[in-house]
Amino acid sequence: TVYRLDEIQEWKAIRPGQTNADGR
C-alpha cells in the first residue's frame, strides 16, 4: 500500500498494489 504525507502531516492512502510473479 502506498501512502503520501499530506500538508497536515498525516498519511493519506494513495493505492494498493501487489507484487507479480517476478516480485515487481
mmCIF file of all heavy atoms, coordinates in Angstrom:
data_MODEL
# 
_entry.id   MODEL 
# 
loop_
_atom_site.group_PDB 
_atom_site.id 
_atom_site.type_symbol 
_atom_site.label_atom_id 
_atom_site.label_alt_id 
_atom_site.label_comp_id 
_atom_site.label_asym_id 
_atom_site.label_entity_id 
_atom_site.label_seq_id 
_atom_site.pdbx_PDB_ins_code 
_atom_site.Cartn_x 
_atom_site.Cartn_y 
_atom_site.Cartn_z 
_atom_site.occupancy 
_atom_site.B_iso_or_equiv 
_atom_site.pdbx_formal_charge 
_atom_site.auth_seq_id 
_atom_site.auth_comp_id 
_atom_site.auth_asym_id 
_atom_site.auth_atom_id 
_atom_site.pdbx_PDB_model_num 
ATOM 1   N N   . THR A 1 1  ? 0.848  -1.190  0.000   1.00 0.00 ? 1  THR A N   1 
ATOM 2   C CA  . THR A 1 1  ? 0.000  0.000   0.000   1.00 0.00 ? 1  THR A CA  1 
ATOM 3   C C   . THR A 1 1  ? 0.882  1.238   0.000   1.00 0.00 ? 1  THR A C   1 
ATOM 4   O O   . THR A 1 1  ? 1.848  1.310   0.763   1.00 0.00 ? 1  THR A O   1 
ATOM 5   C CB  . THR A 1 1  ? -0.925 0.023   1.242   1.00 0.00 ? 1  THR A CB  1 
ATOM 6   O OG1 . THR A 1 1  ? -1.645 -1.207  1.309   1.00 0.00 ? 1  THR A OG1 1 
ATOM 7   C CG2 . THR A 1 1  ? -1.903 1.179   1.166   1.00 0.00 ? 1  THR A CG2 1 
ATOM 8   N N   . VAL A 1 2  ? 0.559  2.199   -0.868  1.00 0.00 ? 2  VAL A N   1 
ATOM 9   C CA  . VAL A 1 2  ? 1.321  3.444   -0.973  1.00 0.00 ? 2  VAL A CA  1 
ATOM 10  C C   . VAL A 1 2  ? 0.552  4.560   -0.270  1.00 0.00 ? 2  VAL A C   1 
ATOM 11  O O   . VAL A 1 2  ? -0.651 4.726   -0.483  1.00 0.00 ? 2  VAL A O   1 
ATOM 12  C CB  . VAL A 1 2  ? 1.536  3.848   -2.443  1.00 0.00 ? 2  VAL A CB  1 
ATOM 13  C CG1 . VAL A 1 2  ? 2.335  5.143   -2.538  1.00 0.00 ? 2  VAL A CG1 1 
ATOM 14  C CG2 . VAL A 1 2  ? 2.216  2.742   -3.208  1.00 0.00 ? 2  VAL A CG2 1 
ATOM 15  N N   . TYR A 1 3  ? 1.274  5.316   0.550   1.00 0.00 ? 3  TYR A N   1 
ATOM 16  C CA  . TYR A 1 3  ? 0.722  6.475   1.250   1.00 0.00 ? 3  TYR A CA  1 
ATOM 17  C C   . TYR A 1 3  ? 1.576  7.695   0.908   1.00 0.00 ? 3  TYR A C   1 
ATOM 18  O O   . TYR A 1 3  ? 2.759  7.563   0.597   1.00 0.00 ? 3  TYR A O   1 
ATOM 19  C CB  . TYR A 1 3  ? 0.774  6.280   2.766   1.00 0.00 ? 3  TYR A CB  1 
ATOM 20  C CG  . TYR A 1 3  ? -0.001 5.109   3.275   1.00 0.00 ? 3  TYR A CG  1 
ATOM 21  C CD1 . TYR A 1 3  ? 0.557  3.838   3.291   1.00 0.00 ? 3  TYR A CD1 1 
ATOM 22  C CD2 . TYR A 1 3  ? -1.294 5.267   3.765   1.00 0.00 ? 3  TYR A CD2 1 
ATOM 23  C CE1 . TYR A 1 3  ? -0.148 2.751   3.774   1.00 0.00 ? 3  TYR A CE1 1 
ATOM 24  C CE2 . TYR A 1 3  ? -2.013 4.179   4.252   1.00 0.00 ? 3  TYR A CE2 1 
ATOM 25  C CZ  . TYR A 1 3  ? -1.428 2.921   4.254   1.00 0.00 ? 3  TYR A CZ  1 
ATOM 26  O OH  . TYR A 1 3  ? -2.131 1.846   4.737   1.00 0.00 ? 3  TYR A OH  1 
ATOM 27  N N   . ARG A 1 4  ? 0.972  8.879   1.018   1.00 0.00 ? 4  ARG A N   1 
ATOM 28  C CA  . ARG A 1 4  ? 1.702  10.138  0.844   1.00 0.00 ? 4  ARG A CA  1 
ATOM 29  C C   . ARG A 1 4  ? 1.441  11.000  2.073   1.00 0.00 ? 4  ARG A C   1 
ATOM 30  O O   . ARG A 1 4  ? 0.305  11.099  2.541   1.00 0.00 ? 4  ARG A O   1 
ATOM 31  C CB  . ARG A 1 4  ? 1.245  10.870  -0.409  1.00 0.00 ? 4  ARG A CB  1 
ATOM 32  C CG  . ARG A 1 4  ? 2.062  12.117  -0.717  1.00 0.00 ? 4  ARG A CG  1 
ATOM 33  C CD  . ARG A 1 4  ? 1.696  12.664  -2.108  1.00 0.00 ? 4  ARG A CD  1 
ATOM 34  N NE  . ARG A 1 4  ? 2.573  13.731  -2.482  1.00 0.00 ? 4  ARG A NE  1 
ATOM 35  C CZ  . ARG A 1 4  ? 2.391  14.999  -2.128  1.00 0.00 ? 4  ARG A CZ  1 
ATOM 36  N NH1 . ARG A 1 4  ? 1.353  15.357  -1.403  1.00 0.00 ? 4  ARG A NH1 1 
ATOM 37  N NH2 . ARG A 1 4  ? 3.245  15.922  -2.525  1.00 0.00 ? 4  ARG A NH2 1 
ATOM 38  N N   . LEU A 1 5  ? 2.487  11.617  2.598   1.00 0.00 ? 5  LEU A N   1 
ATOM 39  C CA  . LEU A 1 5  ? 2.340  12.507  3.747   1.00 0.00 ? 5  LEU A CA  1 
ATOM 40  C C   . LEU A 1 5  ? 1.729  13.817  3.254   1.00 0.00 ? 5  LEU A C   1 
ATOM 41  O O   . LEU A 1 5  ? 2.284  14.485  2.377   1.00 0.00 ? 5  LEU A O   1 
ATOM 42  C CB  . LEU A 1 5  ? 3.705  12.752  4.395   1.00 0.00 ? 5  LEU A CB  1 
ATOM 43  C CG  . LEU A 1 5  ? 3.704  13.410  5.762   1.00 0.00 ? 5  LEU A CG  1 
ATOM 44  C CD1 . LEU A 1 5  ? 3.013  12.524  6.796   1.00 0.00 ? 5  LEU A CD1 1 
ATOM 45  C CD2 . LEU A 1 5  ? 5.135  13.698  6.201   1.00 0.00 ? 5  LEU A CD2 1 
ATOM 46  N N   . ASP A 1 6  ? 0.569  14.183  3.803   1.00 0.00 ? 6  ASP A N   1 
ATOM 47  C CA  . ASP A 1 6  ? -0.105 15.382  3.313   1.00 0.00 ? 6  ASP A CA  1 
ATOM 48  C C   . ASP A 1 6  ? 0.363  16.637  4.051   1.00 0.00 ? 6  ASP A C   1 
ATOM 49  O O   . ASP A 1 6  ? 1.245  16.585  4.908   1.00 0.00 ? 6  ASP A O   1 
ATOM 50  C CB  . ASP A 1 6  ? -1.630 15.222  3.354   1.00 0.00 ? 6  ASP A CB  1 
ATOM 51  C CG  . ASP A 1 6  ? -2.209 15.135  4.758   1.00 0.00 ? 6  ASP A CG  1 
ATOM 52  O OD1 . ASP A 1 6  ? -1.518 15.482  5.746   1.00 0.00 ? 6  ASP A OD1 1 
ATOM 53  O OD2 . ASP A 1 6  ? -3.383 14.722  4.888   1.00 0.00 ? 6  ASP A OD2 1 
ATOM 54  N N   . GLU A 1 7  ? -0.255 17.754  3.724   1.00 0.00 ? 7  GLU A N   1 
ATOM 55  C CA  . GLU A 1 7  ? 0.181  19.057  4.250   1.00 0.00 ? 7  GLU A CA  1 
ATOM 56  C C   . GLU A 1 7  ? -0.048 19.210  5.749   1.00 0.00 ? 7  GLU A C   1 
ATOM 57  O O   . GLU A 1 7  ? 0.548  20.073  6.384   1.00 0.00 ? 7  GLU A O   1 
ATOM 58  C CB  . GLU A 1 7  ? -0.482 20.205  3.482   1.00 0.00 ? 7  GLU A CB  1 
ATOM 59  C CG  . GLU A 1 7  ? -1.991 20.186  3.479   1.00 0.00 ? 7  GLU A CG  1 
ATOM 60  C CD  . GLU A 1 7  ? -2.605 19.238  2.444   1.00 0.00 ? 7  GLU A CD  1 
ATOM 61  O OE1 . GLU A 1 7  ? -1.899 18.770  1.530   1.00 0.00 ? 7  GLU A OE1 1 
ATOM 62  O OE2 . GLU A 1 7  ? -3.800 18.951  2.574   1.00 0.00 ? 7  GLU A OE2 1 
ATOM 63  N N   . ILE A 1 8  ? -0.902 18.383  6.335   1.00 0.00 ? 8  ILE A N   1 
ATOM 64  C CA  . ILE A 1 8  ? -1.100 18.454  7.791   1.00 0.00 ? 8  ILE A CA  1 
ATOM 65  C C   . ILE A 1 8  ? -0.397 17.281  8.499   1.00 0.00 ? 8  ILE A C   1 
ATOM 66  O O   . ILE A 1 8  ? -0.744 16.918  9.617   1.00 0.00 ? 8  ILE A O   1 
ATOM 67  C CB  . ILE A 1 8  ? -2.599 18.536  8.172   1.00 0.00 ? 8  ILE A CB  1 
ATOM 68  C CG1 . ILE A 1 8  ? -3.373 17.331  7.649   1.00 0.00 ? 8  ILE A CG1 1 
ATOM 69  C CG2 . ILE A 1 8  ? -3.209 19.834  7.690   1.00 0.00 ? 8  ILE A CG2 1 
ATOM 70  C CD1 . ILE A 1 8  ? -4.802 17.255  8.159   1.00 0.00 ? 8  ILE A CD1 1 
ATOM 71  N N   . GLN A 1 9  ? 0.595  16.710  7.812   1.00 0.00 ? 9  GLN A N   1 
ATOM 72  C CA  . GLN A 1 9  ? 1.462  15.661  8.362   1.00 0.00 ? 9  GLN A CA  1 
ATOM 73  C C   . GLN A 1 9  ? 0.704  14.385  8.735   1.00 0.00 ? 9  GLN A C   1 
ATOM 74  O O   . GLN A 1 9  ? 1.014  13.741  9.736   1.00 0.00 ? 9  GLN A O   1 
ATOM 75  C CB  . GLN A 1 9  ? 2.266  16.193  9.557   1.00 0.00 ? 9  GLN A CB  1 
ATOM 76  C CG  . GLN A 1 9  ? 3.138  17.392  9.217   1.00 0.00 ? 9  GLN A CG  1 
ATOM 77  C CD  . GLN A 1 9  ? 4.173  17.061  8.142   1.00 0.00 ? 9  GLN A CD  1 
ATOM 78  O OE1 . GLN A 1 9  ? 5.037  16.231  8.358   1.00 0.00 ? 9  GLN A OE1 1 
ATOM 79  N NE2 . GLN A 1 9  ? 4.081  17.703  6.993   1.00 0.00 ? 9  GLN A NE2 1 
ATOM 80  N N   . GLU A 1 10 ? -0.265 14.025  7.905   1.00 0.00 ? 10 GLU A N   1 
ATOM 81  C CA  . GLU A 1 10 ? -0.985 12.769  8.073   1.00 0.00 ? 10 GLU A CA  1 
ATOM 82  C C   . GLU A 1 10 ? -0.811 11.930  6.813   1.00 0.00 ? 10 GLU A C   1 
ATOM 83  O O   . GLU A 1 10 ? -0.745 12.473  5.705   1.00 0.00 ? 10 GLU A O   1 
ATOM 84  C CB  . GLU A 1 10 ? -2.471 13.023  8.339   1.00 0.00 ? 10 GLU A CB  1 
ATOM 85  C CG  . GLU A 1 10 ? -2.727 13.685  9.672   1.00 0.00 ? 10 GLU A CG  1 
ATOM 86  C CD  . GLU A 1 10 ? -4.212 13.904  9.953   1.00 0.00 ? 10 GLU A CD  1 
ATOM 87  O OE1 . GLU A 1 10 ? -5.052 13.591  9.082   1.00 0.00 ? 10 GLU A OE1 1 
ATOM 88  O OE2 . GLU A 1 10 ? -4.517 14.398  11.045  1.00 0.00 ? 10 GLU A OE2 1 
ATOM 89  N N   . TRP A 1 11 ? -0.754 10.616  6.992   1.00 0.00 ? 11 TRP A N   1 
ATOM 90  C CA  . TRP A 1 11 ? -0.597 9.713   5.857   1.00 0.00 ? 11 TRP A CA  1 
ATOM 91  C C   . TRP A 1 11 ? -1.930 9.535   5.139   1.00 0.00 ? 11 TRP A C   1 
ATOM 92  O O   . TRP A 1 11 ? -2.931 9.222   5.760   1.00 0.00 ? 11 TRP A O   1 
ATOM 93  C CB  . TRP A 1 11 ? -0.074 8.356   6.312   1.00 0.00 ? 11 TRP A CB  1 
ATOM 94  C CG  . TRP A 1 11 ? 1.330  8.398   6.815   1.00 0.00 ? 11 TRP A CG  1 
ATOM 95  C CD1 . TRP A 1 11 ? 1.735  8.237   8.101   1.00 0.00 ? 11 TRP A CD1 1 
ATOM 96  C CD2 . TRP A 1 11 ? 2.505  8.650   6.044   1.00 0.00 ? 11 TRP A CD2 1 
ATOM 97  N NE1 . TRP A 1 11 ? 3.104  8.364   8.173   1.00 0.00 ? 11 TRP A NE1 1 
ATOM 98  C CE2 . TRP A 1 11 ? 3.600  8.616   6.925   1.00 0.00 ? 11 TRP A CE2 1 
ATOM 99  C CE3 . TRP A 1 11 ? 2.756  8.903   4.699   1.00 0.00 ? 11 TRP A CE3 1 
ATOM 100 C CZ2 . TRP A 1 11 ? 4.913  8.816   6.509   1.00 0.00 ? 11 TRP A CZ2 1 
ATOM 101 C CZ3 . TRP A 1 11 ? 4.057  9.105   4.282   1.00 0.00 ? 11 TRP A CZ3 1 
ATOM 102 C CH2 . TRP A 1 11 ? 5.118  9.057   5.168   1.00 0.00 ? 11 TRP A CH2 1 
ATOM 103 N N   . LYS A 1 12 ? -1.912 9.732   3.834   1.00 0.00 ? 12 LYS A N   1 
ATOM 104 C CA  . LYS A 1 12 ? -3.095 9.546   3.000   1.00 0.00 ? 12 LYS A CA  1 
ATOM 105 C C   . LYS A 1 12 ? -2.835 8.352   2.084   1.00 0.00 ? 12 LYS A C   1 
ATOM 106 O O   . LYS A 1 12 ? -1.864 8.337   1.324   1.00 0.00 ? 12 LYS A O   1 
ATOM 107 C CB  . LYS A 1 12 ? -3.357 10.793  2.163   1.00 0.00 ? 12 LYS A CB  1 
ATOM 108 C CG  . LYS A 1 12 ? -4.538 10.656  1.244   1.00 0.00 ? 12 LYS A CG  1 
ATOM 109 C CD  . LYS A 1 12 ? -4.725 11.882  0.380   1.00 0.00 ? 12 LYS A CD  1 
ATOM 110 C CE  . LYS A 1 12 ? -5.860 11.652  -0.595  1.00 0.00 ? 12 LYS A CE  1 
ATOM 111 N NZ  . LYS A 1 12 ? -5.909 12.691  -1.604  1.00 0.00 ? 12 LYS A NZ  1 
ATOM 112 N N   . ALA A 1 13 ? -3.704 7.343   2.176   1.00 0.00 ? 13 ALA A N   1 
ATOM 113 C CA  . ALA A 1 13 ? -3.559 6.168   1.309   1.00 0.00 ? 13 ALA A CA  1 
ATOM 114 C C   . ALA A 1 13 ? -3.786 6.578   -0.141  1.00 0.00 ? 13 ALA A C   1 
ATOM 115 O O   . ALA A 1 13 ? -4.760 7.258   -0.456  1.00 0.00 ? 13 ALA A O   1 
ATOM 116 C CB  . ALA A 1 13 ? -4.546 5.087   1.722   1.00 0.00 ? 13 ALA A CB  1 
ATOM 117 N N   . ILE A 1 14 ? -2.870 6.192   -0.998  1.00 0.00 ? 14 ILE A N   1 
ATOM 118 C CA  . ILE A 1 14 ? -2.965 6.520   -2.424  1.00 0.00 ? 14 ILE A CA  1 
ATOM 119 C C   . ILE A 1 14 ? -3.562 5.343   -3.199  1.00 0.00 ? 14 ILE A C   1 
ATOM 120 O O   . ILE A 1 14 ? -4.511 5.506   -3.942  1.00 0.00 ? 14 ILE A O   1 
ATOM 121 C CB  . ILE A 1 14 ? -1.586 6.878   -3.013  1.00 0.00 ? 14 ILE A CB  1 
ATOM 122 C CG1 . ILE A 1 14 ? -0.942 8.020   -2.242  1.00 0.00 ? 14 ILE A CG1 1 
ATOM 123 C CG2 . ILE A 1 14 ? -1.685 7.195   -4.496  1.00 0.00 ? 14 ILE A CG2 1 
ATOM 124 C CD1 . ILE A 1 14 ? -1.676 9.326   -2.334  1.00 0.00 ? 14 ILE A CD1 1 
ATOM 125 N N   . ARG A 1 15 ? -2.957 4.163   -3.016  1.00 0.00 ? 15 ARG A N   1 
ATOM 126 C CA  . ARG A 1 15 ? -3.469 2.985   -3.721  1.00 0.00 ? 15 ARG A CA  1 
ATOM 127 C C   . ARG A 1 15 ? -2.804 1.719   -3.217  1.00 0.00 ? 15 ARG A C   1 
ATOM 128 O O   . ARG A 1 15 ? -1.664 1.741   -2.804  1.00 0.00 ? 15 ARG A O   1 
ATOM 129 C CB  . ARG A 1 15 ? -3.278 3.116   -5.210  1.00 0.00 ? 15 ARG A CB  1 
ATOM 130 C CG  . ARG A 1 15 ? -1.954 2.679   -5.747  1.00 0.00 ? 15 ARG A CG  1 
ATOM 131 C CD  . ARG A 1 15 ? -1.989 2.310   -7.232  1.00 0.00 ? 15 ARG A CD  1 
ATOM 132 N NE  . ARG A 1 15 ? -2.904 3.106   -7.968  1.00 0.00 ? 15 ARG A NE  1 
ATOM 133 C CZ  . ARG A 1 15 ? -2.566 4.020   -8.849  1.00 0.00 ? 15 ARG A CZ  1 
ATOM 134 N NH1 . ARG A 1 15 ? -1.310 4.254   -9.107  1.00 0.00 ? 15 ARG A NH1 1 
ATOM 135 N NH2 . ARG A 1 15 ? -3.482 4.705   -9.485  1.00 0.00 ? 15 ARG A NH2 1 
ATOM 136 N N   . PRO A 1 16 ? -3.539 0.610   -3.299  1.00 0.00 ? 16 PRO A N   1 
ATOM 137 C CA  . PRO A 1 16 ? -2.920 -0.681  -3.012  1.00 0.00 ? 16 PRO A CA  1 
ATOM 138 C C   . PRO A 1 16 ? -2.334 -1.272  -4.295  1.00 0.00 ? 16 PRO A C   1 
ATOM 139 O O   . PRO A 1 16 ? -2.744 -0.914  -5.405  1.00 0.00 ? 16 PRO A O   1 
ATOM 140 C CB  . PRO A 1 16 ? -4.094 -1.527  -2.514  1.00 0.00 ? 16 PRO A CB  1 
ATOM 141 C CG  . PRO A 1 16 ? -5.272 -0.961  -3.251  1.00 0.00 ? 16 PRO A CG  1 
ATOM 142 C CD  . PRO A 1 16 ? -4.977 0.517   -3.422  1.00 0.00 ? 16 PRO A CD  1 
ATOM 143 N N   . GLY A 1 17 ? -1.405 -2.155  -4.129  1.00 0.00 ? 17 GLY A N   1 
ATOM 144 C CA  . GLY A 1 17 ? -0.826 -2.887  -5.246  1.00 0.00 ? 17 GLY A CA  1 
ATOM 145 C C   . GLY A 1 17 ? -0.430 -4.267  -4.771  1.00 0.00 ? 17 GLY A C   1 
ATOM 146 O O   . GLY A 1 17 ? -0.608 -4.607  -3.596  1.00 0.00 ? 17 GLY A O   1 
ATOM 147 N N   . GLN A 1 18 ? 0.110  -5.069  -5.688  1.00 0.00 ? 18 GLN A N   1 
ATOM 148 C CA  . GLN A 1 18 ? 0.542  -6.413  -5.326  1.00 0.00 ? 18 GLN A CA  1 
ATOM 149 C C   . GLN A 1 18 ? 1.690  -6.813  -6.237  1.00 0.00 ? 18 GLN A C   1 
ATOM 150 O O   . GLN A 1 18 ? 1.642  -6.550  -7.448  1.00 0.00 ? 18 GLN A O   1 
ATOM 151 C CB  . GLN A 1 18 ? -0.624 -7.391  -5.477  1.00 0.00 ? 18 GLN A CB  1 
ATOM 152 C CG  . GLN A 1 18 ? -0.300 -8.790  -5.022  1.00 0.00 ? 18 GLN A CG  1 
ATOM 153 C CD  . GLN A 1 18 ? -1.539 -9.646  -4.942  1.00 0.00 ? 18 GLN A CD  1 
ATOM 154 O OE1 . GLN A 1 18 ? -2.515 -9.253  -4.328  1.00 0.00 ? 18 GLN A OE1 1 
ATOM 155 N NE2 . GLN A 1 18 ? -1.499 -10.812 -5.550  1.00 0.00 ? 18 GLN A NE2 1 
ATOM 156 N N   . THR A 1 19 ? 2.694  -7.458  -5.657  1.00 0.00 ? 19 THR A N   1 
ATOM 157 C CA  . THR A 1 19 ? 3.823  -7.887  -6.473  1.00 0.00 ? 19 THR A CA  1 
ATOM 158 C C   . THR A 1 19 ? 3.392  -9.002  -7.421  1.00 0.00 ? 19 THR A C   1 
ATOM 159 O O   . THR A 1 19 ? 2.563  -9.846  -7.086  1.00 0.00 ? 19 THR A O   1 
ATOM 160 C CB  . THR A 1 19 ? 5.006  -8.358  -5.601  1.00 0.00 ? 19 THR A CB  1 
ATOM 161 O OG1 . THR A 1 19 ? 4.585  -9.444  -4.771  1.00 0.00 ? 19 THR A OG1 1 
ATOM 162 C CG2 . THR A 1 19 ? 5.551  -7.230  -4.744  1.00 0.00 ? 19 THR A CG2 1 
ATOM 163 N N   . ASN A 1 20 ? 3.985  -8.988  -8.600  1.00 0.00 ? 20 ASN A N   1 
ATOM 164 C CA  . ASN A 1 20 ? 3.674  -10.002 -9.607  1.00 0.00 ? 20 ASN A CA  1 
ATOM 165 C C   . ASN A 1 20 ? 4.564  -11.238 -9.391  1.00 0.00 ? 20 ASN A C   1 
ATOM 166 O O   . ASN A 1 20 ? 5.274  -11.331 -8.386  1.00 0.00 ? 20 ASN A O   1 
ATOM 167 C CB  . ASN A 1 20 ? 3.812  -9.421  -11.019 1.00 0.00 ? 20 ASN A CB  1 
ATOM 168 C CG  . ASN A 1 20 ? 5.237  -8.989  -11.357 1.00 0.00 ? 20 ASN A CG  1 
ATOM 169 O OD1 . ASN A 1 20 ? 6.197  -9.357  -10.683 1.00 0.00 ? 20 ASN A OD1 1 
ATOM 170 N ND2 . ASN A 1 20 ? 5.376  -8.198  -12.407 1.00 0.00 ? 20 ASN A ND2 1 
ATOM 171 N N   . ALA A 1 21 ? 4.533  -12.163 -10.321 1.00 0.00 ? 21 ALA A N   1 
ATOM 172 C CA  . ALA A 1 21 ? 5.304  -13.409 -10.196 1.00 0.00 ? 21 ALA A CA  1 
ATOM 173 C C   . ALA A 1 21 ? 6.802  -13.157 -10.108 1.00 0.00 ? 21 ALA A C   1 
ATOM 174 O O   . ALA A 1 21 ? 7.542  -13.969 -9.544  1.00 0.00 ? 21 ALA A O   1 
ATOM 175 C CB  . ALA A 1 21 ? 4.991  -14.335 -11.370 1.00 0.00 ? 21 ALA A CB  1 
ATOM 176 N N   . ASP A 1 22 ? 7.257  -12.028 -10.643 1.00 0.00 ? 22 ASP A N   1 
ATOM 177 C CA  . ASP A 1 22 ? 8.668  -11.655 -10.603 1.00 0.00 ? 22 ASP A CA  1 
ATOM 178 C C   . ASP A 1 22 ? 8.988  -10.792 -9.373  1.00 0.00 ? 22 ASP A C   1 
ATOM 179 O O   . ASP A 1 22 ? 10.086 -10.277 -9.248  1.00 0.00 ? 22 ASP A O   1 
ATOM 180 C CB  . ASP A 1 22 ? 9.032  -10.919 -11.895 1.00 0.00 ? 22 ASP A CB  1 
ATOM 181 C CG  . ASP A 1 22 ? 10.528 -10.785 -12.107 1.00 0.00 ? 22 ASP A CG  1 
ATOM 182 O OD1 . ASP A 1 22 ? 11.273 -11.683 -11.665 1.00 0.00 ? 22 ASP A OD1 1 
ATOM 183 O OD2 . ASP A 1 22 ? 10.952 -9.767  -12.687 1.00 0.00 ? 22 ASP A OD2 1 
ATOM 184 N N   . GLY A 1 23 ? 8.011  -10.594 -8.482  1.00 0.00 ? 23 GLY A N   1 
ATOM 185 C CA  . GLY A 1 23 ? 8.222  -9.804  -7.274  1.00 0.00 ? 23 GLY A CA  1 
ATOM 186 C C   . GLY A 1 23 ? 8.185  -8.300  -7.501  1.00 0.00 ? 23 GLY A C   1 
ATOM 187 O O   . GLY A 1 23 ? 8.537  -7.533  -6.625  1.00 0.00 ? 23 GLY A O   1 
ATOM 188 N N   . ARG A 1 24 ? 7.742  -7.872  -8.679  1.00 0.00 ? 24 ARG A N   1 
ATOM 189 C CA  . ARG A 1 24 ? 7.746  -6.445  -9.035  1.00 0.00 ? 24 ARG A CA  1 
ATOM 190 C C   . ARG A 1 24 ? 6.334  -5.858  -9.001  1.00 0.00 ? 24 ARG A C   1 
ATOM 191 O O   . ARG A 1 24 ? 5.354  -6.566  -9.186  1.00 0.00 ? 24 ARG A O   1 
ATOM 192 C CB  . ARG A 1 24 ? 8.329  -6.253  -10.433 1.00 0.00 ? 24 ARG A CB  1 
ATOM 193 C CG  . ARG A 1 24 ? 9.770  -6.681  -10.538 1.00 0.00 ? 24 ARG A CG  1 
ATOM 194 C CD  . ARG A 1 24 ? 10.293 -6.537  -11.970 1.00 0.00 ? 24 ARG A CD  1 
ATOM 195 N NE  . ARG A 1 24 ? 11.633 -7.035  -12.073 1.00 0.00 ? 24 ARG A NE  1 
ATOM 196 C CZ  . ARG A 1 24 ? 12.732 -6.326  -11.809 1.00 0.00 ? 24 ARG A CZ  1 
ATOM 197 N NH1 . ARG A 1 24 ? 12.615 -5.057  -11.442 1.00 0.00 ? 24 ARG A NH1 1 
ATOM 198 N NH2 . ARG A 1 24 ? 13.927 -6.854  -11.916 1.00 0.00 ? 24 ARG A NH2 1 
# 
